[in-house]
N, C-alpha and C. Protein backbone atom coordinates (compact mmCIF):
# COMPACT_ATOMS: atom_id res chain seq x y z
N UNK A 1 64.45 39.27 18.62
CA UNK A 1 63.63 38.59 19.89
C UNK A 1 64.02 38.03 21.33
N UNK A 2 63.38 38.42 21.61
CA UNK A 2 63.42 37.37 23.48
C UNK A 2 63.80 35.99 23.16
N UNK A 3 64.11 35.07 23.35
CA UNK A 3 64.76 33.93 23.19
C UNK A 3 62.87 32.86 23.36
N UNK A 4 62.54 33.68 24.83
CA UNK A 4 61.27 32.87 25.32
C UNK A 4 60.08 32.43 24.59
N UNK A 5 60.22 33.81 23.48
CA UNK A 5 59.33 34.17 21.91
C UNK A 5 59.44 32.64 21.11
N UNK A 6 60.17 32.71 20.48
CA UNK A 6 60.69 31.24 20.22
C UNK A 6 59.86 30.21 20.89
N UNK A 7 59.88 29.98 21.90
CA UNK A 7 59.05 28.34 22.71
C UNK A 7 57.89 28.76 22.73
N UNK A 8 57.07 30.27 22.87
CA UNK A 8 55.66 30.05 23.29
C UNK A 8 55.18 30.04 22.12
N UNK A 9 55.91 30.51 21.24
CA UNK A 9 55.65 30.69 19.20
C UNK A 9 55.76 29.30 19.23
N UNK A 10 56.56 28.84 19.00
CA UNK A 10 56.64 27.01 18.27
C UNK A 10 55.69 25.84 19.03
N UNK A 11 55.26 26.73 20.16
CA UNK A 11 54.72 25.56 21.27
C UNK A 11 52.99 26.27 20.56
N UNK A 12 52.62 26.95 20.67
CA UNK A 12 51.34 27.39 20.50
C UNK A 12 51.35 27.24 18.46
N UNK A 13 52.20 26.79 17.64
CA UNK A 13 52.30 26.58 16.29
C UNK A 13 51.87 25.05 15.85
N UNK A 14 52.45 23.93 17.16
CA UNK A 14 52.54 22.70 17.06
C UNK A 14 51.02 22.26 17.44
N UNK A 15 50.66 23.41 18.43
CA UNK A 15 49.21 22.77 19.04
C UNK A 15 48.21 23.51 17.62
N UNK A 16 48.92 24.29 16.98
CA UNK A 16 47.64 24.51 15.70
C UNK A 16 47.47 23.59 14.59
N UNK A 17 48.60 23.12 14.50
CA UNK A 17 48.68 21.76 13.44
C UNK A 17 48.23 20.32 14.06
N UNK A 18 48.14 20.13 15.55
CA UNK A 18 47.16 19.41 16.17
C UNK A 18 45.87 19.55 16.13
N UNK A 19 46.27 20.50 16.61
CA UNK A 19 44.12 20.56 16.10
C UNK A 19 43.73 20.48 15.17
N UNK A 20 44.73 21.78 13.65
CA UNK A 20 44.18 21.32 12.49
C UNK A 20 43.71 20.21 11.50
N UNK A 21 45.32 19.14 12.49
CA UNK A 21 44.73 17.75 11.47
C UNK A 21 43.70 16.66 12.53
N UNK A 22 43.43 16.59 14.10
CA UNK A 22 42.46 16.44 14.39
C UNK A 22 41.27 16.40 14.34
N UNK A 23 41.02 18.16 13.96
CA UNK A 23 39.69 18.96 14.02
C UNK A 23 39.19 19.43 12.14
N UNK A 24 39.64 20.96 11.90
CA UNK A 24 39.23 21.18 10.74
C UNK A 24 40.27 21.91 10.72
N UNK A 25 40.76 22.41 9.77
CA UNK A 25 41.85 23.94 10.03
C UNK A 25 41.63 25.75 10.40
N UNK A 26 40.08 25.15 9.99
CA UNK A 26 39.30 26.92 10.28
C UNK A 26 40.07 26.73 12.00
N UNK A 27 39.98 25.26 12.86
CA UNK A 27 40.16 25.95 14.27
C UNK A 27 41.64 25.63 14.57
N UNK A 28 42.40 26.26 13.53
CA UNK A 28 44.16 26.18 14.04
C UNK A 28 44.27 27.40 14.07
N UNK A 29 42.93 28.17 13.53
CA UNK A 29 43.18 29.86 12.99
C UNK A 29 43.58 30.61 14.41
N UNK A 30 42.94 30.60 15.24
CA UNK A 30 43.29 30.63 16.82
C UNK A 30 44.60 30.34 17.87
N UNK A 31 44.66 29.00 17.17
CA UNK A 31 46.40 29.28 17.83
C UNK A 31 47.82 29.62 17.06
N UNK A 32 47.26 29.89 15.72
CA UNK A 32 48.03 30.31 15.31
C UNK A 32 47.69 31.60 15.53
N UNK A 33 46.77 32.40 15.44
CA UNK A 33 47.30 33.78 16.42
C UNK A 33 47.38 34.36 17.33
N UNK A 34 47.78 33.15 18.20
CA UNK A 34 48.61 33.41 19.55
C UNK A 34 49.80 33.24 19.68
N UNK A 35 50.27 32.41 18.41
CA UNK A 35 51.30 32.06 18.13
C UNK A 35 52.06 34.05 17.80
N UNK A 36 51.42 33.71 16.67
CA UNK A 36 51.68 35.29 16.63
C UNK A 36 52.10 36.41 17.20
N UNK A 37 51.45 36.77 18.29
CA UNK A 37 51.48 37.58 19.47
C UNK A 37 52.73 37.44 20.07
N UNK A 38 52.79 35.77 20.40
CA UNK A 38 53.92 35.60 21.46
C UNK A 38 55.08 36.21 20.71
N UNK A 39 54.91 35.90 19.28
CA UNK A 39 56.32 36.14 18.34
C UNK A 39 56.57 37.92 18.57
N UNK A 40 55.64 38.81 18.65
CA UNK A 40 55.11 39.97 18.52
C UNK A 40 55.77 40.35 19.93
N UNK A 41 55.12 39.61 20.83
CA UNK A 41 55.28 40.65 22.04
C UNK A 41 56.51 40.48 22.74
N UNK A 42 57.40 39.42 22.28
CA UNK A 42 58.35 39.36 23.21
C UNK A 42 60.36 39.77 22.11
N UNK A 43 59.56 40.98 21.21
CA UNK A 43 60.16 41.50 20.49
C UNK A 43 61.26 42.14 21.59
N UNK A 44 62.21 42.22 21.04
CA UNK A 44 63.03 43.11 21.43
C UNK A 44 64.20 44.45 21.06
N UNK A 45 63.62 45.55 20.46
CA UNK A 45 64.16 46.04 19.38
C UNK A 45 65.21 47.11 19.88
N UNK A 46 66.14 47.61 18.87
CA UNK A 46 67.41 48.21 19.44
C UNK A 46 66.88 49.50 19.75
N UNK A 47 67.87 49.93 21.04
CA UNK A 47 68.05 51.68 21.51
C UNK A 47 68.61 52.28 21.22
N UNK A 48 68.64 53.49 21.10
CA UNK A 48 69.81 54.90 20.87
C UNK A 48 69.57 55.28 22.49
N UNK A 49 70.86 54.97 22.53
CA UNK A 49 70.73 55.62 24.68
C UNK A 49 70.95 56.73 24.35
N UNK A 50 70.88 58.13 25.02
CA UNK A 50 70.90 58.92 25.63
C UNK A 50 72.54 59.22 26.04
N UNK A 51 73.37 59.46 25.86
CA UNK A 51 75.07 59.96 26.13
C UNK A 51 74.98 61.68 27.55
N UNK A 52 74.06 61.98 27.53
CA UNK A 52 74.11 63.10 28.15
C UNK A 52 74.53 62.90 29.48
N UNK A 53 75.26 63.84 29.86
CA UNK A 53 75.80 63.47 31.95
C UNK A 53 75.00 63.20 33.34
N UNK A 54 75.11 62.55 33.89
CA UNK A 54 74.42 62.55 34.90
C UNK A 54 72.74 61.84 34.34
N UNK A 55 72.45 61.77 33.35
CA UNK A 55 71.15 60.92 32.92
C UNK A 55 70.59 59.24 32.85
N UNK A 56 69.28 59.25 33.65
CA UNK A 56 68.76 58.07 33.41
C UNK A 56 67.67 58.56 32.74
N UNK A 57 67.78 56.63 31.97
CA UNK A 57 66.83 56.31 31.49
C UNK A 57 65.87 55.40 31.29
N UNK A 58 64.43 55.66 30.94
CA UNK A 58 63.99 54.43 31.72
C UNK A 58 64.10 53.41 31.45
N UNK A 59 63.55 52.14 32.45
CA UNK A 59 63.94 50.57 32.62
C UNK A 59 63.18 49.70 31.70
N UNK A 60 62.17 50.74 31.40
CA UNK A 60 61.04 49.90 30.46
C UNK A 60 60.19 50.81 29.78
N UNK A 61 58.96 50.29 29.30
CA UNK A 61 58.71 51.30 28.17
C UNK A 61 57.32 51.42 29.56
N UNK A 62 56.17 52.62 28.54
CA UNK A 62 55.37 52.55 28.98
C UNK A 62 55.16 53.45 29.67
N UNK A 63 54.00 53.74 30.17
CA UNK A 63 53.25 55.05 31.06
C UNK A 63 53.62 55.00 32.35
N UNK A 64 54.05 56.97 32.07
CA UNK A 64 53.73 57.21 33.76
C UNK A 64 53.29 57.39 34.32
N UNK A 65 52.88 56.75 35.62
CA UNK A 65 51.44 57.05 36.24
C UNK A 65 51.34 57.43 37.46
N UNK A 66 52.84 57.88 37.68
CA UNK A 66 52.98 58.87 39.34
C UNK A 66 54.56 59.01 39.65
N UNK A 67 54.16 60.02 39.63
CA UNK A 67 55.49 60.81 40.10
C UNK A 67 55.62 61.32 41.88
N UNK A 68 56.10 61.14 42.07
CA UNK A 68 55.07 61.40 44.03
C UNK A 68 56.61 60.87 44.64
N UNK A 69 56.98 61.84 45.86
CA UNK A 69 58.18 61.75 47.39
C UNK A 69 57.36 60.40 48.27
N UNK A 70 58.31 60.02 48.31
CA UNK A 70 58.06 57.71 48.95
C UNK A 70 58.70 57.93 49.90
N UNK A 71 59.38 56.95 50.70
CA UNK A 71 59.91 57.08 51.99
C UNK A 71 60.91 56.20 51.42
N UNK A 72 61.52 55.70 51.63
CA UNK A 72 62.84 54.67 51.15
C UNK A 72 63.81 53.71 52.85
N UNK A 73 63.88 52.96 53.13
CA UNK A 73 64.76 52.84 54.40
C UNK A 73 64.71 54.14 55.18
N UNK A 74 63.68 55.09 55.49
CA UNK A 74 62.82 56.48 56.46
C UNK A 74 63.28 57.30 55.87
N UNK A 75 64.38 57.12 54.56
CA UNK A 75 64.56 58.65 54.09
C UNK A 75 64.47 58.62 52.87
N UNK A 76 64.09 60.60 52.48
CA UNK A 76 62.22 60.75 51.35
C UNK A 76 62.84 60.69 49.87
N UNK A 77 62.60 59.66 49.42
CA UNK A 77 62.49 59.96 47.92
C UNK A 77 62.00 60.27 46.80
N UNK A 78 62.32 60.26 45.64
CA UNK A 78 61.18 60.26 44.50
C UNK A 78 60.73 58.90 43.60
N UNK A 79 59.96 58.56 43.62
CA UNK A 79 59.64 57.63 42.89
C UNK A 79 58.67 57.86 41.75
N UNK A 80 59.46 57.39 40.39
CA UNK A 80 58.38 57.65 38.92
C UNK A 80 58.09 56.19 39.20
N UNK A 81 56.74 56.21 38.75
CA UNK A 81 56.30 54.43 38.71
C UNK A 81 55.38 54.58 36.83
N UNK A 82 55.86 53.34 36.04
CA UNK A 82 55.82 53.31 34.63
C UNK A 82 54.89 51.81 34.51
N UNK A 83 54.07 52.11 34.08
CA UNK A 83 53.06 50.82 33.80
C UNK A 83 53.25 50.39 32.93
N UNK A 84 53.15 49.25 32.97
CA UNK A 84 53.59 48.32 31.36
C UNK A 84 51.90 47.32 30.92
N UNK A 85 51.66 48.09 30.03
CA UNK A 85 50.63 46.90 29.15
C UNK A 85 50.80 46.73 28.16
N UNK A 86 50.23 45.00 27.97
CA UNK A 86 51.03 43.78 27.13
C UNK A 86 50.79 44.17 26.04
N UNK A 87 50.34 45.49 25.43
CA UNK A 87 51.18 46.22 24.04
C UNK A 87 52.33 46.71 24.47
N UNK A 88 53.16 46.66 25.68
CA UNK A 88 54.43 47.60 25.14
C UNK A 88 55.77 45.94 25.54
N UNK A 89 56.39 47.17 24.80
CA UNK A 89 57.91 46.03 24.91
C UNK A 89 58.07 45.80 26.45
N UNK A 90 57.76 44.56 26.90
CA UNK A 90 58.87 44.00 27.91
C UNK A 90 60.23 44.12 28.63
N UNK A 91 61.04 44.30 27.69
CA UNK A 91 62.76 43.73 28.22
C UNK A 91 62.50 45.24 28.80
N UNK A 92 63.44 44.75 29.48
CA UNK A 92 64.66 46.20 31.21
C UNK A 92 65.85 46.42 30.47
N UNK A 93 65.62 47.95 30.89
CA UNK A 93 67.11 48.04 30.43
C UNK A 93 67.50 48.86 31.72
N UNK A 94 68.92 48.70 31.46
CA UNK A 94 69.72 49.66 33.41
C UNK A 94 69.23 51.03 33.20
N UNK A 95 69.24 51.75 34.12
CA UNK A 95 68.59 53.46 34.14
C UNK A 95 69.70 54.36 34.43
N UNK A 96 71.44 53.69 34.51
CA UNK A 96 72.53 54.45 35.15
C UNK A 96 73.30 53.17 35.03
N UNK A 97 74.44 53.94 34.00
CA UNK A 97 75.91 53.16 34.27
C UNK A 97 76.38 52.74 35.42
N UNK A 98 76.77 51.24 36.53
CA UNK A 98 77.26 51.89 37.21
C UNK A 98 77.51 50.22 37.65
N UNK A 99 77.44 49.53 39.17
CA UNK A 99 77.64 48.74 39.10
C UNK A 99 76.55 47.45 40.50
N UNK A 100 75.76 46.91 39.61
CA UNK A 100 74.15 46.04 40.89
C UNK A 100 75.34 45.76 42.33
N UNK A 101 74.47 46.52 43.31
CA UNK A 101 75.59 46.37 44.66
C UNK A 101 74.11 45.45 45.57
N UNK A 102 73.11 45.88 45.24
CA UNK A 102 72.45 44.89 45.51
C UNK A 102 70.53 43.89 44.50
N UNK A 103 70.33 42.75 44.80
CA UNK A 103 69.27 42.91 44.04
C UNK A 103 68.43 41.48 45.35
N UNK A 104 67.19 41.94 45.74
CA UNK A 104 66.24 41.62 46.75
C UNK A 104 64.80 41.19 45.72
N UNK A 105 64.82 39.88 45.35
CA UNK A 105 63.20 39.36 45.38
C UNK A 105 62.61 39.23 46.62
N UNK A 106 61.08 39.71 46.44
CA UNK A 106 60.40 39.35 47.15
C UNK A 106 58.85 38.55 46.20
N UNK A 107 58.55 37.66 47.02
CA UNK A 107 57.84 36.97 46.70
C UNK A 107 55.65 37.91 47.42
N UNK A 108 55.06 37.85 46.70
CA UNK A 108 54.18 38.76 47.16
C UNK A 108 52.31 38.40 46.58
N UNK A 109 51.38 39.53 46.19
CA UNK A 109 50.76 39.57 45.13
C UNK A 109 50.66 39.87 43.86
N UNK A 110 49.68 39.35 43.26
CA UNK A 110 49.40 40.07 41.76
C UNK A 110 48.25 41.03 41.49
N UNK A 111 48.01 41.82 42.11
CA UNK A 111 47.56 43.15 42.31
C UNK A 111 47.37 43.63 40.85
N UNK A 112 46.08 44.22 40.15
CA UNK A 112 46.76 45.12 39.67
C UNK A 112 47.30 46.58 39.56
N UNK A 113 48.96 45.94 38.69
CA UNK A 113 49.48 47.42 38.13
C UNK A 113 49.13 48.77 38.39
N UNK A 114 48.34 49.02 38.75
CA UNK A 114 47.81 50.00 38.67
C UNK A 114 47.21 50.79 39.83
N UNK A 115 47.16 49.48 41.15
CA UNK A 115 46.93 49.24 41.83
C UNK A 115 47.84 50.39 42.76
N UNK A 116 48.09 51.07 43.46
CA UNK A 116 49.11 51.83 44.25
C UNK A 116 49.39 50.45 45.54
N UNK A 117 49.06 50.42 46.35
CA UNK A 117 49.78 49.25 46.91
C UNK A 117 50.12 47.86 46.15
N UNK A 118 50.68 47.84 45.40
CA UNK A 118 51.18 46.45 44.07
C UNK A 118 52.44 47.37 44.88
N UNK A 119 52.99 48.07 45.16
CA UNK A 119 54.34 48.40 45.61
C UNK A 119 54.71 48.01 46.38
N UNK A 120 54.13 47.79 47.43
CA UNK A 120 54.03 47.25 48.75
C UNK A 120 54.07 45.53 49.15
N UNK A 121 53.21 45.16 48.60
CA UNK A 121 52.35 43.87 48.42
C UNK A 121 52.79 42.95 47.29
N UNK A 122 52.86 43.10 45.89
CA UNK A 122 53.19 42.20 45.29
C UNK A 122 54.34 41.51 44.38
N UNK A 123 54.36 40.37 43.49
CA UNK A 123 55.97 40.29 43.84
C UNK A 123 56.73 40.95 43.08
N UNK A 124 58.17 41.27 43.52
CA UNK A 124 59.14 42.05 43.34
C UNK A 124 59.78 41.35 43.21
N UNK A 125 61.20 42.20 42.70
CA UNK A 125 62.09 42.50 42.72
C UNK A 125 62.73 43.90 42.44
N UNK A 126 63.97 44.24 43.67
CA UNK A 126 64.03 45.47 43.68
C UNK A 126 65.78 45.37 43.74
N UNK A 127 66.39 46.40 42.85
CA UNK A 127 67.47 46.32 42.61
C UNK A 127 68.04 47.34 42.77
N UNK A 128 69.48 47.70 43.60
CA UNK A 128 70.44 48.72 43.51
C UNK A 128 71.53 49.07 42.16
N UNK A 129 71.98 50.32 42.13
CA UNK A 129 72.34 50.34 41.05
C UNK A 129 73.55 51.36 41.64
N UNK A 130 74.73 51.54 41.79
CA UNK A 130 75.58 52.34 42.41
C UNK A 130 76.81 53.04 40.79
N UNK A 131 76.39 53.79 40.74
CA UNK A 131 77.79 54.70 39.35
C UNK A 131 78.06 56.29 40.20
N UNK A 132 79.39 56.86 39.51
CA UNK A 132 79.08 57.59 39.57
C UNK A 132 79.13 58.44 41.26
N UNK A 133 79.46 57.64 41.66
CA UNK A 133 78.88 58.70 43.77
C UNK A 133 77.71 58.37 43.98
N UNK A 134 76.78 57.82 43.16
CA UNK A 134 75.45 57.80 43.48
C UNK A 134 74.34 56.39 42.78
N UNK A 135 73.68 56.08 44.05
CA UNK A 135 73.24 55.03 43.87
C UNK A 135 71.37 55.25 43.59
N UNK A 136 70.57 53.72 43.11
CA UNK A 136 69.36 54.38 42.28
C UNK A 136 69.17 53.06 42.99
N UNK A 137 67.57 53.18 42.67
CA UNK A 137 67.12 51.60 43.19
C UNK A 137 65.38 51.35 42.50
N UNK A 138 65.75 50.46 41.85
CA UNK A 138 64.73 50.00 40.79
C UNK A 138 63.74 48.82 40.73
N UNK A 139 62.61 49.08 40.65
CA UNK A 139 61.95 47.68 41.65
C UNK A 139 60.80 47.15 40.32
N UNK A 140 61.27 46.14 39.61
CA UNK A 140 60.27 44.88 38.51
C UNK A 140 59.38 44.70 39.74
N UNK A 141 57.91 44.94 39.37
CA UNK A 141 57.37 44.87 40.32
C UNK A 141 55.89 43.92 39.67
N UNK A 142 55.23 42.95 39.83
CA UNK A 142 54.43 41.72 39.00
C UNK A 142 53.63 42.57 39.01
N UNK A 143 52.12 42.44 37.83
CA UNK A 143 50.76 43.08 38.29
C UNK A 143 49.70 41.50 38.21
N UNK A 144 48.55 41.93 37.52
CA UNK A 144 48.04 41.05 37.26
C UNK A 144 48.11 39.68 36.41
N UNK A 145 48.41 40.36 35.40
CA UNK A 145 48.93 39.19 34.65
C UNK A 145 50.34 38.66 34.49
N UNK A 146 50.92 39.34 35.13
CA UNK A 146 52.54 38.82 34.96
C UNK A 146 53.06 37.62 35.97
N UNK A 147 53.05 36.72 35.77
CA UNK A 147 53.40 36.01 36.90
C UNK A 147 55.47 35.57 36.70
N UNK A 148 55.60 36.24 36.37
CA UNK A 148 57.29 36.24 36.20
C UNK A 148 58.24 37.82 36.30
N UNK A 149 59.25 37.56 36.83
CA UNK A 149 60.07 38.23 36.42
C UNK A 149 61.28 37.76 36.71
N UNK A 150 62.09 38.27 34.99
CA UNK A 150 63.84 37.93 34.87
C UNK A 150 64.69 39.37 35.15
N UNK A 151 65.18 38.50 36.03
CA UNK A 151 66.55 39.79 35.98
C UNK A 151 67.68 38.81 35.95
N UNK A 152 68.57 39.88 35.34
CA UNK A 152 69.45 38.22 34.20
C UNK A 152 71.48 38.94 34.95
N UNK A 153 71.43 40.36 35.85
CA UNK A 153 72.61 40.42 36.21
C UNK A 153 73.24 40.03 37.30
N UNK A 154 74.15 39.92 38.03
CA UNK A 154 74.47 39.13 39.23
C UNK A 154 75.02 40.40 40.14
N UNK A 155 75.15 40.84 41.51
CA UNK A 155 75.51 41.24 42.88
C UNK A 155 77.30 41.40 42.09
N UNK A 156 77.13 42.88 42.43
CA UNK A 156 78.86 43.34 41.73
C UNK A 156 79.24 42.67 40.24
N UNK A 157 77.75 42.57 39.34
CA UNK A 157 78.10 42.39 37.90
C UNK A 157 77.95 44.03 37.14
N UNK A 158 78.81 44.59 36.00
CA UNK A 158 79.53 45.86 36.42
C UNK A 158 77.75 46.72 34.83
N UNK A 159 77.56 47.04 34.76
CA UNK A 159 76.21 47.57 33.85
C UNK A 159 76.96 48.72 32.88
N UNK A 160 76.34 48.99 31.29
CA UNK A 160 75.79 50.13 30.87
C UNK A 160 74.62 50.80 30.86
N UNK A 161 74.85 51.78 30.76
CA UNK A 161 73.07 52.93 30.68
C UNK A 161 72.59 52.24 29.16
N UNK A 162 71.37 51.66 29.61
CA UNK A 162 70.29 51.45 28.58
C UNK A 162 70.86 50.37 28.18
N UNK A 163 71.57 49.37 29.07
CA UNK A 163 71.79 47.36 28.75
C UNK A 163 71.29 47.13 29.04
N UNK A 164 70.42 46.12 28.51
CA UNK A 164 69.96 44.99 28.63
C UNK A 164 70.41 44.34 30.50
N UNK A 165 68.38 44.31 30.98
CA UNK A 165 68.73 43.60 32.62
C UNK A 165 67.92 42.51 32.92
N UNK A 166 66.66 42.42 31.95
CA UNK A 166 65.74 41.34 32.32
C UNK A 166 64.36 41.58 31.48
N UNK A 167 63.37 40.88 32.50
CA UNK A 167 62.31 41.76 31.32
C UNK A 167 60.83 40.95 32.78
N UNK A 168 60.55 41.70 32.44
CA UNK A 168 58.68 41.40 32.92
C UNK A 168 57.59 41.16 32.24
N UNK A 169 56.86 39.90 32.33
CA UNK A 169 56.06 39.13 31.31
C UNK A 169 54.48 39.36 31.30
N UNK A 170 53.65 39.82 30.26
CA UNK A 170 52.51 40.31 30.50
C UNK A 170 52.13 40.88 31.15
N UNK A 171 52.59 42.41 30.91
CA UNK A 171 51.72 43.44 31.88
C UNK A 171 52.39 43.83 33.24
N UNK A 172 52.57 45.04 34.05
CA UNK A 172 53.79 44.74 35.47
C UNK A 172 53.52 46.52 35.81
N UNK A 173 54.59 46.61 35.92
CA UNK A 173 54.39 48.16 37.20
C UNK A 173 56.73 48.34 36.84
N UNK A 174 57.05 49.31 36.55
CA UNK A 174 57.97 49.16 37.35
C UNK A 174 58.46 50.88 37.54
N UNK A 175 59.13 50.72 39.02
CA UNK A 175 59.42 52.20 39.94
C UNK A 175 60.54 52.17 39.54
N UNK A 176 61.10 53.62 39.86
CA UNK A 176 62.74 54.44 40.02
C UNK A 176 62.86 54.96 40.77
N UNK A 177 63.75 55.10 42.07
CA UNK A 177 63.44 56.19 43.30
C UNK A 177 64.54 56.17 43.33
N UNK A 178 64.48 58.02 43.11
CA UNK A 178 65.59 58.26 43.14
C UNK A 178 66.30 59.20 44.80
N UNK A 179 67.46 60.03 44.05
CA UNK A 179 67.87 61.16 45.92
C UNK A 179 67.06 62.29 45.21
N UNK A 180 66.82 62.52 46.69
CA UNK A 180 66.06 64.05 46.59
C UNK A 180 67.89 64.69 45.31
N UNK A 181 66.99 66.22 44.91
CA UNK A 181 68.11 66.80 43.86
C UNK A 181 68.13 66.45 42.96
N UNK A 182 67.51 64.95 42.80
CA UNK A 182 67.97 64.32 40.79
C UNK A 182 66.60 65.52 40.32
N UNK A 183 67.02 66.02 38.63
CA UNK A 183 65.98 66.71 38.38
C UNK A 183 65.13 66.40 37.27
N UNK A 184 64.24 66.05 36.86
CA UNK A 184 62.40 65.10 36.75
C UNK A 184 62.67 66.20 36.11
N UNK A 185 62.30 64.57 34.42
CA UNK A 185 61.96 65.10 33.07
C UNK A 185 60.96 65.33 32.50
N UNK A 186 59.82 64.75 33.59
CA UNK A 186 58.34 63.39 32.96
C UNK A 186 57.74 63.66 33.97
N UNK A 187 56.69 63.31 33.12
CA UNK A 187 56.03 63.97 34.16
C UNK A 187 53.91 62.87 34.34
N UNK A 188 53.16 62.87 34.54
CA UNK A 188 52.10 61.90 34.99
C UNK A 188 51.69 61.96 33.09
N UNK A 189 51.44 60.60 33.08
CA UNK A 189 50.58 60.71 31.31
C UNK A 189 51.72 60.25 30.42
N UNK A 190 52.67 60.78 30.44
CA UNK A 190 54.15 60.65 29.32
C UNK A 190 53.82 59.25 29.24
N UNK A 191 53.96 59.12 28.05
CA UNK A 191 54.56 57.34 27.25
C UNK A 191 56.36 57.28 27.68
N UNK A 192 57.05 56.09 27.76
CA UNK A 192 58.36 56.55 27.46
C UNK A 192 59.09 55.22 27.22
N UNK A 193 59.87 55.05 26.46
CA UNK A 193 60.58 53.78 26.25
C UNK A 193 62.00 53.45 26.69
N UNK A 194 62.35 52.05 27.16
CA UNK A 194 63.01 51.98 28.37
C UNK A 194 64.37 51.89 26.89
N UNK A 195 65.18 52.67 27.72
CA UNK A 195 66.76 52.70 27.23
C UNK A 195 66.98 53.63 26.13
N UNK A 196 65.54 54.95 26.03
CA UNK A 196 65.86 56.08 25.47
C UNK A 196 65.28 57.18 26.27
N UNK A 197 63.89 57.17 26.99
CA UNK A 197 63.49 57.93 27.79
C UNK A 197 64.02 58.66 28.98
N UNK A 198 64.66 59.20 28.23
CA UNK A 198 65.75 60.42 30.10
C UNK A 198 64.12 61.16 31.09
N UNK A 199 64.44 59.92 32.33
CA UNK A 199 63.06 59.89 33.35
C UNK A 199 63.91 61.67 34.01
N UNK A 200 65.32 62.07 34.02
CA UNK A 200 65.90 62.43 35.20
C UNK A 200 67.18 62.86 35.02
N UNK A 201 67.74 63.80 36.22
CA UNK A 201 69.63 64.60 35.41
C UNK A 201 69.41 63.48 36.95
N UNK A 202 70.60 62.76 37.31
CA UNK A 202 70.74 62.80 39.24
C UNK A 202 71.66 63.73 39.60
N UNK A 203 72.53 64.59 38.57
CA UNK A 203 73.74 65.71 39.40
C UNK A 203 73.67 66.32 38.33
N UNK A 204 74.90 68.00 38.86
CA UNK A 204 74.55 69.15 37.85
C UNK A 204 73.54 70.28 37.70
N UNK A 205 74.42 71.11 37.75
CA UNK A 205 73.32 72.36 37.06
C UNK A 205 72.70 71.92 36.09
N UNK A 206 71.13 72.31 36.49
CA UNK A 206 70.02 71.63 35.64
C UNK A 206 69.57 72.75 34.64
N UNK A 207 70.89 74.07 34.85
CA UNK A 207 71.24 74.81 34.01
C UNK A 207 72.06 74.00 32.50
N UNK A 208 72.35 73.52 32.90
CA UNK A 208 73.58 73.39 32.41
C UNK A 208 73.17 72.23 31.39
N UNK A 209 72.23 71.00 32.38
CA UNK A 209 71.77 70.21 31.10
C UNK A 209 71.00 70.49 29.53
N UNK A 210 69.80 71.94 30.01
CA UNK A 210 69.75 72.52 29.74
C UNK A 210 70.27 72.59 28.15
N UNK A 211 71.57 73.85 28.49
CA UNK A 211 72.36 74.05 27.80
C UNK A 211 72.65 72.57 26.45
N UNK A 212 73.35 72.12 27.38
CA UNK A 212 73.41 70.43 26.26
C UNK A 212 72.33 70.42 25.71
N UNK A 213 71.19 70.03 26.13
CA UNK A 213 69.82 70.28 24.89
C UNK A 213 69.49 71.12 23.80
N UNK A 214 69.83 72.03 23.99
CA UNK A 214 69.22 73.56 22.75
C UNK A 214 71.04 73.30 21.90
N UNK A 215 71.90 72.88 22.63
CA UNK A 215 73.01 72.88 21.15
C UNK A 215 72.99 71.44 20.83
N UNK A 216 72.19 70.42 21.32
CA UNK A 216 71.44 69.46 20.78
C UNK A 216 70.39 69.97 19.59
N UNK A 217 69.81 70.59 20.09
CA UNK A 217 68.87 71.70 19.19
C UNK A 217 69.18 71.81 17.87
N UNK A 218 70.47 72.84 18.08
CA UNK A 218 71.19 73.58 17.25
C UNK A 218 71.62 72.77 16.15
N UNK A 219 72.00 71.54 16.57
CA UNK A 219 72.74 70.75 15.64
C UNK A 219 71.71 70.09 15.25
N UNK A 220 70.64 69.32 15.35
CA UNK A 220 69.84 68.72 14.47
C UNK A 220 68.91 69.83 13.54
N UNK A 221 68.89 70.87 13.34
CA UNK A 221 68.49 72.03 12.11
C UNK A 221 69.73 72.11 11.34
N UNK A 222 71.12 72.04 11.43
CA UNK A 222 71.63 71.92 10.60
C UNK A 222 71.94 70.56 9.46
């Protein structure tokens, strides 16, 4: 569990004790339920990280809401957008192994994360990772309820694929921006899990990755 969960939970349990003492134990049920929600919301489950060469794993749990071509610094890239509701795990993970080359935080609005305009207008943290000669950008984007973006790494720090790198609190959106030529593995409507679901492959012949997948399937049937 993320440490914040204990803080939020402790505050609400303290409130429950005070409410129950000053009024009636029945009134304490509501803050107890909120405390339980906080403890559940800040869960941080372990994940099995894929080992396929060139794999880009999802940096967040949620639902894929868009796979589209957009402009980034004047060049065309592929953007995969993932919407997190309040019931998803909100711990974020590194999509690839590499070095953190940039992290730029911008203040902004708190539009609904399902609104396409939130990618440009909302509070966000844009991170660039470079690994194996390729670079990748992902954005932590605040939503209607999300009011805090947490990024725990420093520029120049090395991260592993699937490593925990922060979190977004109470519903939000994650965008992953990939160079042209990436082999996309998801579609709109797919549910993904941070650190374990493969969004794309950055390099290599797609037939090579298909062969790897077939070999894994055969291995699993033994």
